[in-house]
Amino acid sequence: MLTIKVWENDMKCPGCIKEGKRSKVFELGTYETLMGWQTYYDEDGKFHSHNPNDRSTQYRCTNGHMFRQTRRAICPTCGSDW
């Protein structure tokens, strides 16, 4: 199983890309970690949200490849993905 970390909304199977094939991709399930975090405003009054939780979704393509996509929220102020 391949694990990829991406930040955009497009979805193509990495196995098919490697093999020069095209396919449809189906979502098999999603889970998210449930760690707590606290948002804050820094010394300059800027809002920060350093959410440490990952969201992981498993996929299968029509050519039989399976892979996982992992995402983490990015702080709107500093761009950190903690």
Protein backbone atom coordinates (compact mmCIF):
# COMPACT_ATOMS: atom_id res chain seq x y z
CA MET A 1 0.00 0.00 0.00
CA LEU A 2 1.31 3.44 -0.93
CA THR A 3 1.03 6.37 1.47
CA ILE A 4 0.99 9.86 0.04
CA LYS A 5 0.79 13.25 1.71
CA VAL A 6 -0.96 15.84 -0.41
CA TRP A 7 -2.61 19.21 0.10
CA GLU A 8 -4.64 19.76 -3.06
CA ASN A 9 -8.09 18.48 -4.02
CA ASP A 10 -7.21 16.51 -7.17
CA MET A 11 -6.98 12.75 -6.80
CA LYS A 12 -5.17 10.36 -9.13
CA CYS A 13 -3.85 6.93 -8.31
CA PRO A 14 -0.06 7.14 -7.81
CA GLY A 15 0.33 3.55 -9.05
CA CYS A 16 -1.49 4.35 -12.28
CA ILE A 17 0.52 7.53 -12.76
CA LYS A 18 3.71 5.48 -12.40
CA GLU A 19 2.43 2.89 -14.91
CA GLY A 20 1.03 5.47 -17.36
CA LYS A 21 -2.56 4.26 -16.85
CA ARG A 22 -5.85 6.02 -16.19
CA SER A 23 -8.39 4.94 -13.58
CA LYS A 24 -11.30 5.92 -11.42
CA VAL A 25 -10.54 6.22 -7.71
CA PHE A 26 -12.96 5.13 -4.96
CA GLU A 27 -12.82 6.12 -1.30
CA LEU A 28 -12.82 3.12 1.06
CA GLY A 29 -12.87 4.89 4.42
CA THR A 30 -11.51 7.77 6.48
CA TYR A 31 -10.26 8.11 10.03
CA GLU A 32 -9.01 11.11 11.99
CA THR A 33 -6.92 11.29 15.14
CA LEU A 34 -8.62 13.02 18.06
CA MET A 35 -5.89 14.87 19.91
CA GLY A 36 -6.87 18.12 21.57
CA TRP A 37 -5.28 21.48 20.83
CA GLN A 38 -5.82 25.10 21.73
CA THR A 39 -6.05 28.02 19.34
CA TYR A 40 -4.42 31.29 20.38
CA TYR A 41 -3.63 34.86 19.38
CA ASP A 42 0.06 35.76 19.32
CA GLU A 43 1.73 38.93 20.61
CA ASP A 44 0.78 40.73 17.37
CA GLY A 45 -2.88 39.71 17.65
CA LYS A 46 -2.64 37.09 14.88
CA PHE A 47 -4.82 33.98 15.19
CA HIS A 48 -3.09 30.56 15.28
CA SER A 49 -4.60 27.08 15.15
CA HIS A 50 -1.95 24.34 15.34
CA ASN A 51 -4.22 21.33 14.97
CA PRO A 52 -2.07 18.19 15.45
CA ASN A 53 -4.69 15.81 14.06
CA ASP A 54 -4.21 13.84 10.86
CA ARG A 55 -7.01 12.73 8.56
CA SER A 56 -6.22 9.57 6.62
CA THR A 57 -8.33 8.21 3.77
CA GLN A 58 -7.81 4.88 2.02
CA TYR A 59 -8.55 4.52 -1.71
CA ARG A 60 -8.75 1.81 -4.37
CA CYS A 61 -8.57 2.42 -8.10
CA THR A 62 -10.21 0.49 -10.92
CA ASN A 63 -6.82 -1.09 -11.75
CA GLY A 64 -6.62 -2.63 -8.26
CA HIS A 65 -4.08 -0.30 -6.65
CA MET A 66 -4.70 0.69 -3.04
CA PHE A 67 -3.24 3.79 -1.43
CA ARG A 68 -3.73 6.16 1.48
CA GLN A 69 -3.87 9.95 1.57
CA THR A 70 -2.96 11.78 4.78
CA ARG A 71 -3.85 15.40 5.42
CA ARG A 72 -3.23 17.79 8.27
CA ALA A 73 -4.77 21.22 8.78
CA ILE A 74 -2.44 24.15 8.17
CA CYS A 75 -2.37 27.14 10.50
CA PRO A 76 -4.02 30.06 8.66
CA THR A 77 -1.46 32.53 10.04
CA CYS A 78 1.97 30.91 9.96
CA GLY A 79 1.35 28.08 7.49
CA SER A 80 2.65 25.44 9.90
CA ASP A 81 1.21 21.93 9.57
CA TRP A 82 2.47 20.88 13.00
